[in-house]
Amino acid sequence: MEYTYSYHEYDEIIPYLFIGNFHALKYASKFDFIINCSNDIPFPKSCSNCLRISINDDPMDCDKMLIIMKRLDVLEKMRNFIKNKQPVLVHCYAGIQRSCAFVACYLMKYYNVNPITAISQIKMKRPHAFDGGVNFQDALYSFYHENNKPIKN
């Protein structure tokens, strides 16, 4: 079954940070770093800075998403490219759940926003983001609480 989408292949969420679906890979040359949040979508042949985050579009993969994100320092790598004004694409199959959850974590970490605000900011730029509910809501709240622990004196 082939899915068709009536929305953009990718959208800029903040300067130099884009969320997209697998069709965005037609424009791979526009991006300096591509994060592929799928198990099997192939990388473009021309991609020299590509990273696969192999997770399913399933709330049961919340913990796996957070573990992989930390182990591979994904958010820090994204930040380095963005700070150097090098475009970053985070994509999954539809550009609705997995990629949006990663970008929400980025916004929470580097813009000090809570999950609700991060989700809202993404939806303002990519209205179909998180359609059908937030599959990785537990991961977003876990990430937020882990990164906003009170400092003990």
N, C-alpha and C. Protein backbone atom coordinates (compact mmCIF):
# COMPACT_ATOMS: atom_id res chain seq x y z
N MET A 1 0.84 -1.17 0.00
CA MET A 1 0.00 0.00 0.00
C MET A 1 0.89 1.24 0.00
N GLU A 2 0.64 2.14 -0.90
CA GLU A 2 1.41 3.38 -1.00
C GLU A 2 0.62 4.52 -0.35
N TYR A 3 1.30 5.24 0.50
CA TYR A 3 0.67 6.37 1.17
C TYR A 3 1.01 7.64 0.41
N THR A 4 0.05 8.52 0.29
CA THR A 4 0.32 9.83 -0.30
C THR A 4 0.04 10.88 0.76
N TYR A 5 0.81 11.92 0.73
CA TYR A 5 0.69 12.97 1.72
C TYR A 5 0.44 14.29 1.01
N SER A 6 -0.44 15.09 1.55
CA SER A 6 -0.76 16.36 0.93
C SER A 6 -0.07 17.51 1.66
N TYR A 7 1.01 17.22 2.35
CA TYR A 7 1.72 18.27 3.07
C TYR A 7 3.17 18.31 2.62
N HIS A 8 3.91 19.25 3.16
CA HIS A 8 5.30 19.44 2.74
C HIS A 8 6.16 18.22 3.06
N GLU A 9 7.14 18.02 2.23
CA GLU A 9 8.08 16.92 2.45
C GLU A 9 8.98 17.22 3.64
N TYR A 10 9.26 18.51 3.87
CA TYR A 10 10.02 18.91 5.06
C TYR A 10 9.65 20.35 5.42
N ASP A 11 9.82 20.67 6.68
CA ASP A 11 9.52 22.01 7.20
C ASP A 11 10.63 22.45 8.14
N GLU A 12 10.95 23.73 8.10
CA GLU A 12 11.95 24.29 9.00
C GLU A 12 11.26 24.65 10.32
N ILE A 13 11.74 24.08 11.41
CA ILE A 13 11.14 24.28 12.72
C ILE A 13 11.78 25.47 13.42
N ILE A 14 13.08 25.51 13.42
CA ILE A 14 13.87 26.66 13.85
C ILE A 14 14.95 26.82 12.78
N PRO A 15 15.65 27.93 12.76
CA PRO A 15 16.67 28.06 11.72
C PRO A 15 17.64 26.87 11.71
N TYR A 16 17.78 26.29 10.52
CA TYR A 16 18.69 25.18 10.24
C TYR A 16 18.25 23.82 10.78
N LEU A 17 17.06 23.72 11.32
CA LEU A 17 16.56 22.42 11.81
C LEU A 17 15.23 22.11 11.14
N PHE A 18 15.21 20.99 10.42
CA PHE A 18 14.07 20.60 9.61
C PHE A 18 13.55 19.23 10.02
N ILE A 19 12.23 19.07 9.90
CA ILE A 19 11.58 17.77 10.07
C ILE A 19 11.01 17.39 8.71
N GLY A 20 11.17 16.11 8.34
CA GLY A 20 10.63 15.69 7.07
C GLY A 20 10.20 14.25 7.05
N ASN A 21 9.60 13.88 5.91
CA ASN A 21 9.25 12.48 5.68
C ASN A 21 10.27 11.89 4.71
N PHE A 22 10.06 10.65 4.30
CA PHE A 22 11.07 10.01 3.45
C PHE A 22 11.20 10.68 2.09
N HIS A 23 10.18 11.42 1.64
CA HIS A 23 10.28 12.15 0.37
C HIS A 23 11.29 13.29 0.45
N ALA A 24 11.57 13.77 1.65
CA ALA A 24 12.54 14.86 1.82
C ALA A 24 13.93 14.45 1.35
N LEU A 25 14.18 13.16 1.27
CA LEU A 25 15.50 12.68 0.85
C LEU A 25 15.81 13.03 -0.60
N LYS A 26 14.79 13.41 -1.37
CA LYS A 26 15.03 13.90 -2.74
C LYS A 26 15.88 15.17 -2.71
N TYR A 27 15.85 15.85 -1.57
CA TYR A 27 16.56 17.12 -1.40
C TYR A 27 17.76 16.97 -0.47
N ALA A 28 18.30 15.79 -0.39
CA ALA A 28 19.38 15.49 0.56
C ALA A 28 20.56 16.45 0.44
N SER A 29 20.84 16.92 -0.75
CA SER A 29 21.99 17.81 -0.94
C SER A 29 21.82 19.15 -0.23
N LYS A 30 20.61 19.48 0.19
CA LYS A 30 20.37 20.73 0.91
C LYS A 30 20.75 20.64 2.39
N PHE A 31 21.03 19.43 2.87
CA PHE A 31 21.27 19.21 4.29
C PHE A 31 22.69 18.72 4.54
N ASP A 32 23.29 19.23 5.62
CA ASP A 32 24.65 18.81 5.98
C ASP A 32 24.66 17.62 6.93
N PHE A 33 23.54 17.39 7.60
CA PHE A 33 23.44 16.26 8.54
C PHE A 33 22.02 15.72 8.45
N ILE A 34 21.90 14.42 8.24
CA ILE A 34 20.58 13.78 8.12
C ILE A 34 20.46 12.71 9.19
N ILE A 35 19.40 12.81 9.98
CA ILE A 35 19.09 11.81 11.00
C ILE A 35 17.87 11.04 10.52
N ASN A 36 18.05 9.76 10.34
CA ASN A 36 17.04 8.86 9.80
C ASN A 36 16.45 8.06 10.97
N CYS A 37 15.23 8.38 11.36
CA CYS A 37 14.57 7.72 12.50
C CYS A 37 13.72 6.56 12.02
N SER A 38 14.33 5.64 11.29
CA SER A 38 13.60 4.47 10.79
C SER A 38 14.51 3.26 10.85
N ASN A 39 13.89 2.11 10.69
CA ASN A 39 14.66 0.87 10.66
C ASN A 39 15.22 0.56 9.29
N ASP A 40 14.56 1.06 8.24
CA ASP A 40 14.92 0.55 6.92
C ASP A 40 14.91 1.55 5.77
N ILE A 41 14.59 2.80 5.99
CA ILE A 41 14.64 3.75 4.88
C ILE A 41 16.11 3.95 4.52
N PRO A 42 16.47 3.71 3.25
CA PRO A 42 17.89 3.83 2.88
C PRO A 42 18.37 5.28 2.90
N PHE A 43 19.66 5.43 3.12
CA PHE A 43 20.28 6.75 3.07
C PHE A 43 20.54 7.12 1.62
N PRO A 44 20.53 8.41 1.32
CA PRO A 44 20.93 8.82 -0.03
C PRO A 44 22.40 8.46 -0.26
N LYS A 45 22.73 8.10 -1.47
CA LYS A 45 24.12 7.72 -1.78
C LYS A 45 25.09 8.86 -1.50
N SER A 46 24.63 10.09 -1.66
CA SER A 46 25.50 11.26 -1.50
C SER A 46 25.67 11.69 -0.04
N CYS A 47 25.02 11.03 0.88
CA CYS A 47 25.03 11.48 2.28
C CYS A 47 26.34 11.11 2.98
N SER A 48 27.08 12.13 3.40
CA SER A 48 28.33 11.86 4.11
C SER A 48 28.18 11.97 5.62
N ASN A 49 27.18 12.70 6.09
CA ASN A 49 26.90 12.83 7.52
C ASN A 49 25.48 12.36 7.79
N CYS A 50 25.34 11.06 7.90
CA CYS A 50 24.03 10.45 8.14
C CYS A 50 24.09 9.58 9.38
N LEU A 51 23.00 9.56 10.10
CA LEU A 51 22.92 8.77 11.32
C LEU A 51 21.56 8.09 11.38
N ARG A 52 21.55 6.79 11.61
CA ARG A 52 20.29 6.05 11.74
C ARG A 52 19.95 5.87 13.21
N ILE A 53 18.71 6.21 13.55
CA ILE A 53 18.14 5.95 14.86
C ILE A 53 17.06 4.90 14.61
N SER A 54 17.39 3.67 14.83
CA SER A 54 16.52 2.56 14.46
C SER A 54 15.46 2.31 15.53
N ILE A 55 14.32 2.97 15.34
CA ILE A 55 13.20 2.78 16.26
C ILE A 55 11.92 2.59 15.46
N ASN A 56 10.99 1.89 16.07
CA ASN A 56 9.68 1.70 15.46
C ASN A 56 8.77 2.85 15.85
N ASP A 57 7.77 3.08 15.04
CA ASP A 57 6.77 4.11 15.34
C ASP A 57 5.76 3.50 16.31
N ASP A 58 6.22 3.29 17.53
CA ASP A 58 5.45 2.55 18.52
C ASP A 58 5.78 3.09 19.91
N PRO A 59 4.77 3.44 20.69
CA PRO A 59 5.03 3.94 22.04
C PRO A 59 5.87 2.99 22.89
N MET A 60 5.90 1.72 22.54
CA MET A 60 6.71 0.76 23.29
C MET A 60 8.21 1.01 23.10
N ASP A 61 8.56 1.82 22.10
CA ASP A 61 9.97 2.13 21.83
C ASP A 61 10.44 3.42 22.51
N CYS A 62 9.65 3.95 23.45
CA CYS A 62 10.01 5.20 24.14
C CYS A 62 11.37 5.10 24.82
N ASP A 63 11.56 4.06 25.62
CA ASP A 63 12.83 3.91 26.34
C ASP A 63 13.98 3.71 25.36
N LYS A 64 13.74 2.92 24.33
CA LYS A 64 14.78 2.67 23.32
C LYS A 64 15.21 3.98 22.66
N MET A 65 14.23 4.84 22.36
CA MET A 65 14.54 6.12 21.74
C MET A 65 15.46 6.95 22.63
N LEU A 66 15.15 7.02 23.91
CA LEU A 66 15.96 7.82 24.84
C LEU A 66 17.36 7.24 25.01
N ILE A 67 17.46 5.92 25.08
CA ILE A 67 18.76 5.27 25.23
C ILE A 67 19.64 5.55 24.01
N ILE A 68 19.09 5.37 22.83
CA ILE A 68 19.86 5.60 21.61
C ILE A 68 20.28 7.07 21.51
N MET A 69 19.36 7.96 21.84
CA MET A 69 19.64 9.39 21.77
C MET A 69 20.84 9.76 22.64
N LYS A 70 20.88 9.20 23.85
CA LYS A 70 21.99 9.49 24.77
C LYS A 70 23.28 8.82 24.30
N ARG A 71 23.19 7.55 23.95
CA ARG A 71 24.38 6.79 23.59
C ARG A 71 25.10 7.40 22.39
N LEU A 72 24.35 7.89 21.43
CA LEU A 72 24.95 8.44 20.21
C LEU A 72 25.15 9.96 20.27
N ASP A 73 24.82 10.58 21.39
CA ASP A 73 24.95 12.04 21.52
C ASP A 73 24.27 12.78 20.37
N VAL A 74 23.10 12.32 20.00
CA VAL A 74 22.41 12.86 18.83
C VAL A 74 22.13 14.35 18.97
N LEU A 75 21.61 14.76 20.10
CA LEU A 75 21.24 16.17 20.26
C LEU A 75 22.46 17.08 20.19
N GLU A 76 23.57 16.64 20.76
CA GLU A 76 24.79 17.43 20.72
C GLU A 76 25.32 17.54 19.29
N LYS A 77 25.24 16.45 18.54
CA LYS A 77 25.68 16.48 17.14
C LYS A 77 24.80 17.45 16.34
N MET A 78 23.50 17.37 16.57
CA MET A 78 22.59 18.29 15.90
C MET A 78 22.96 19.74 16.23
N ARG A 79 23.19 20.00 17.50
CA ARG A 79 23.51 21.36 17.96
C ARG A 79 24.77 21.88 17.27
N ASN A 80 25.78 21.05 17.14
CA ASN A 80 27.02 21.49 16.49
C ASN A 80 26.78 21.92 15.05
N PHE A 81 26.00 21.16 14.32
CA PHE A 81 25.70 21.55 12.94
C PHE A 81 24.88 22.83 12.91
N ILE A 82 23.85 22.90 13.73
CA ILE A 82 22.96 24.07 13.74
C ILE A 82 23.72 25.33 14.13
N LYS A 83 24.58 25.24 15.15
CA LYS A 83 25.37 26.40 15.57
C LYS A 83 26.27 26.90 14.44
N ASN A 84 26.71 25.99 13.60
CA ASN A 84 27.56 26.35 12.46
C ASN A 84 26.75 26.67 11.20
N LYS A 85 25.44 26.86 11.39
CA LYS A 85 24.53 27.22 10.29
C LYS A 85 24.55 26.20 9.16
N GLN A 86 24.62 24.93 9.57
CA GLN A 86 24.58 23.83 8.63
C GLN A 86 23.24 23.11 8.80
N PRO A 87 22.43 23.06 7.77
CA PRO A 87 21.08 22.50 7.89
C PRO A 87 21.06 21.03 8.30
N VAL A 88 20.14 20.72 9.21
CA VAL A 88 19.95 19.37 9.74
C VAL A 88 18.53 18.92 9.38
N LEU A 89 18.42 17.73 8.82
CA LEU A 89 17.11 17.12 8.55
C LEU A 89 16.94 15.92 9.48
N VAL A 90 15.83 15.91 10.21
CA VAL A 90 15.45 14.75 11.01
C VAL A 90 14.21 14.19 10.33
N HIS A 91 14.28 12.95 9.87
CA HIS A 91 13.14 12.40 9.15
C HIS A 91 12.81 10.99 9.62
N CYS A 92 11.58 10.61 9.34
CA CYS A 92 11.13 9.23 9.49
C CYS A 92 10.25 8.96 8.27
N TYR A 93 9.43 7.95 8.31
CA TYR A 93 8.64 7.63 7.12
C TYR A 93 7.66 8.74 6.78
N ALA A 94 6.84 9.15 7.75
CA ALA A 94 5.81 10.14 7.49
C ALA A 94 6.16 11.54 8.01
N GLY A 95 7.18 11.65 8.86
CA GLY A 95 7.52 12.96 9.42
C GLY A 95 6.47 13.46 10.40
N ILE A 96 5.86 12.52 11.12
CA ILE A 96 4.76 12.88 12.03
C ILE A 96 5.07 12.55 13.48
N GLN A 97 5.74 11.45 13.76
CA GLN A 97 5.93 11.01 15.15
C GLN A 97 7.40 10.95 15.56
N ARG A 98 8.14 9.98 15.05
CA ARG A 98 9.52 9.75 15.53
C ARG A 98 10.41 10.97 15.35
N SER A 99 10.43 11.51 14.14
CA SER A 99 11.28 12.68 13.89
C SER A 99 10.83 13.87 14.71
N CYS A 100 9.54 14.03 14.86
CA CYS A 100 9.01 15.15 15.66
C CYS A 100 9.39 15.00 17.13
N ALA A 101 9.38 13.77 17.64
CA ALA A 101 9.76 13.54 19.03
C ALA A 101 11.23 13.89 19.25
N PHE A 102 12.10 13.55 18.31
CA PHE A 102 13.52 13.90 18.45
C PHE A 102 13.70 15.41 18.47
N VAL A 103 13.02 16.09 17.57
CA VAL A 103 13.14 17.55 17.53
C VAL A 103 12.55 18.17 18.79
N ALA A 104 11.48 17.61 19.31
CA ALA A 104 10.92 18.12 20.58
C ALA A 104 11.94 18.01 21.70
N CYS A 105 12.68 16.91 21.75
CA CYS A 105 13.73 16.76 22.77
C CYS A 105 14.81 17.82 22.58
N TYR A 106 15.16 18.08 21.35
CA TYR A 106 16.15 19.13 21.07
C TYR A 106 15.66 20.48 21.60
N LEU A 107 14.41 20.82 21.31
CA LEU A 107 13.86 22.09 21.78
C LEU A 107 13.82 22.16 23.30
N MET A 108 13.46 21.05 23.94
CA MET A 108 13.43 21.04 25.40
C MET A 108 14.82 21.25 25.98
N LYS A 109 15.81 20.61 25.38
CA LYS A 109 17.17 20.69 25.93
C LYS A 109 17.80 22.06 25.70
N TYR A 110 17.70 22.58 24.50
CA TYR A 110 18.44 23.79 24.15
C TYR A 110 17.62 25.08 24.20
N TYR A 111 16.31 24.96 24.30
CA TYR A 111 15.46 26.15 24.39
C TYR A 111 14.69 26.19 25.70
N ASN A 112 14.98 25.24 26.58
CA ASN A 112 14.38 25.20 27.92
C ASN A 112 12.86 25.33 27.91
N VAL A 113 12.23 24.56 27.05
CA VAL A 113 10.76 24.54 27.01
C VAL A 113 10.27 23.20 27.55
N ASN A 114 9.02 23.16 27.94
CA ASN A 114 8.43 21.91 28.42
C ASN A 114 7.86 21.13 27.24
N PRO A 115 7.45 19.89 27.45
CA PRO A 115 6.94 19.08 26.33
C PRO A 115 5.76 19.71 25.59
N ILE A 116 4.84 20.31 26.33
CA ILE A 116 3.66 20.91 25.68
C ILE A 116 4.08 22.04 24.76
N THR A 117 4.99 22.88 25.23
CA THR A 117 5.47 24.00 24.41
C THR A 117 6.25 23.49 23.20
N ALA A 118 7.10 22.50 23.40
CA ALA A 118 7.88 21.94 22.28
C ALA A 118 6.94 21.38 21.21
N ILE A 119 5.94 20.63 21.63
CA ILE A 119 4.97 20.06 20.68
C ILE A 119 4.24 21.18 19.94
N SER A 120 3.81 22.20 20.67
CA SER A 120 3.09 23.33 20.05
C SER A 120 3.96 24.06 19.05
N GLN A 121 5.23 24.28 19.40
CA GLN A 121 6.13 24.99 18.48
C GLN A 121 6.33 24.19 17.19
N ILE A 122 6.44 22.88 17.32
CA ILE A 122 6.61 22.04 16.13
C ILE A 122 5.33 22.07 15.29
N LYS A 123 4.18 21.96 15.94
CA LYS A 123 2.91 21.95 15.21
C LYS A 123 2.64 23.28 14.50
N MET A 124 3.18 24.38 15.04
CA MET A 124 3.01 25.68 14.37
C MET A 124 3.71 25.68 13.01
N LYS A 125 4.83 24.98 12.92
CA LYS A 125 5.61 24.95 11.67
C LYS A 125 5.28 23.75 10.80
N ARG A 126 4.80 22.68 11.42
CA ARG A 126 4.46 21.43 10.72
C ARG A 126 3.12 20.96 11.29
N PRO A 127 2.01 21.51 10.79
CA PRO A 127 0.69 21.30 11.41
C PRO A 127 0.26 19.85 11.59
N HIS A 128 0.72 18.95 10.76
CA HIS A 128 0.32 17.54 10.88
C HIS A 128 1.24 16.77 11.83
N ALA A 129 2.21 17.44 12.42
CA ALA A 129 3.09 16.77 13.39
C ALA A 129 2.25 16.21 14.53
N PHE A 130 2.60 15.04 14.96
CA PHE A 130 1.92 14.35 16.06
C PHE A 130 0.45 14.06 15.78
N ASP A 131 0.07 14.00 14.50
CA ASP A 131 -1.33 13.65 14.17
C ASP A 131 -1.70 12.33 14.83
N GLY A 132 -2.89 12.28 15.36
CA GLY A 132 -3.38 11.07 16.02
C GLY A 132 -2.91 10.94 17.45
N GLY A 133 -2.26 11.97 17.99
CA GLY A 133 -1.74 11.91 19.35
C GLY A 133 -0.22 11.80 19.34
N VAL A 134 0.38 11.97 20.49
CA VAL A 134 1.84 11.95 20.61
C VAL A 134 2.27 10.55 21.00
N ASN A 135 2.73 9.76 20.03
CA ASN A 135 3.13 8.37 20.31
C ASN A 135 4.24 8.27 21.34
N PHE A 136 5.14 9.25 21.35
CA PHE A 136 6.30 9.20 22.24
C PHE A 136 6.16 10.17 23.41
N GLN A 137 4.93 10.38 23.84
CA GLN A 137 4.66 11.30 24.94
C GLN A 137 5.42 10.91 26.21
N ASP A 138 5.42 9.63 26.54
CA ASP A 138 6.14 9.19 27.74
C ASP A 138 7.63 9.50 27.64
N ALA A 139 8.20 9.31 26.46
CA ALA A 139 9.62 9.62 26.26
C ALA A 139 9.87 11.11 26.42
N LEU A 140 8.98 11.94 25.90
CA LEU A 140 9.17 13.38 26.01
C LEU A 140 9.12 13.83 27.47
N TYR A 141 8.17 13.31 28.22
CA TYR A 141 8.07 13.70 29.63
C TYR A 141 9.24 13.14 30.44
N SER A 142 9.67 11.93 30.15
CA SER A 142 10.85 11.37 30.84
C SER A 142 12.08 12.20 30.55
N PHE A 143 12.27 12.55 29.29
CA PHE A 143 13.41 13.37 28.90
C PHE A 143 13.36 14.72 29.61
N TYR A 144 12.20 15.33 29.61
CA TYR A 144 12.05 16.64 30.25
C TYR A 144 12.40 16.58 31.73
N HIS A 145 11.84 15.61 32.43
CA HIS A 145 12.07 15.50 33.88
C HIS A 145 13.53 15.15 34.18
N GLU A 146 14.13 14.32 33.36
CA GLU A 146 15.53 13.96 33.58
C GLU A 146 16.46 15.16 33.37
N ASN A 147 16.10 16.02 32.44
CA ASN A 147 16.94 17.18 32.13
C ASN A 147 16.58 18.42 32.92
N ASN A 148 15.58 18.34 33.76
CA ASN A 148 15.18 19.49 34.57
C ASN A 148 15.12 19.13 36.05
N LYS A 149 16.05 18.30 36.47
CA LYS A 149 16.12 17.94 37.89
C LYS A 149 16.62 19.14 38.68
N PRO A 150 16.05 19.36 39.86
CA PRO A 150 16.55 20.47 40.67
C PRO A 150 18.01 20.23 41.08
N ILE A 151 18.75 21.31 41.12
CA ILE A 151 20.15 21.22 41.52
C ILE A 151 20.21 21.18 43.03
N LYS A 152 20.92 20.18 43.55
CA LYS A 152 21.05 20.04 45.00
C LYS A 152 22.29 20.78 45.46
N ASN A 153 22.17 21.48 46.58
CA ASN A 153 23.32 22.21 47.15
C ASN A 153 24.11 21.32 48.07
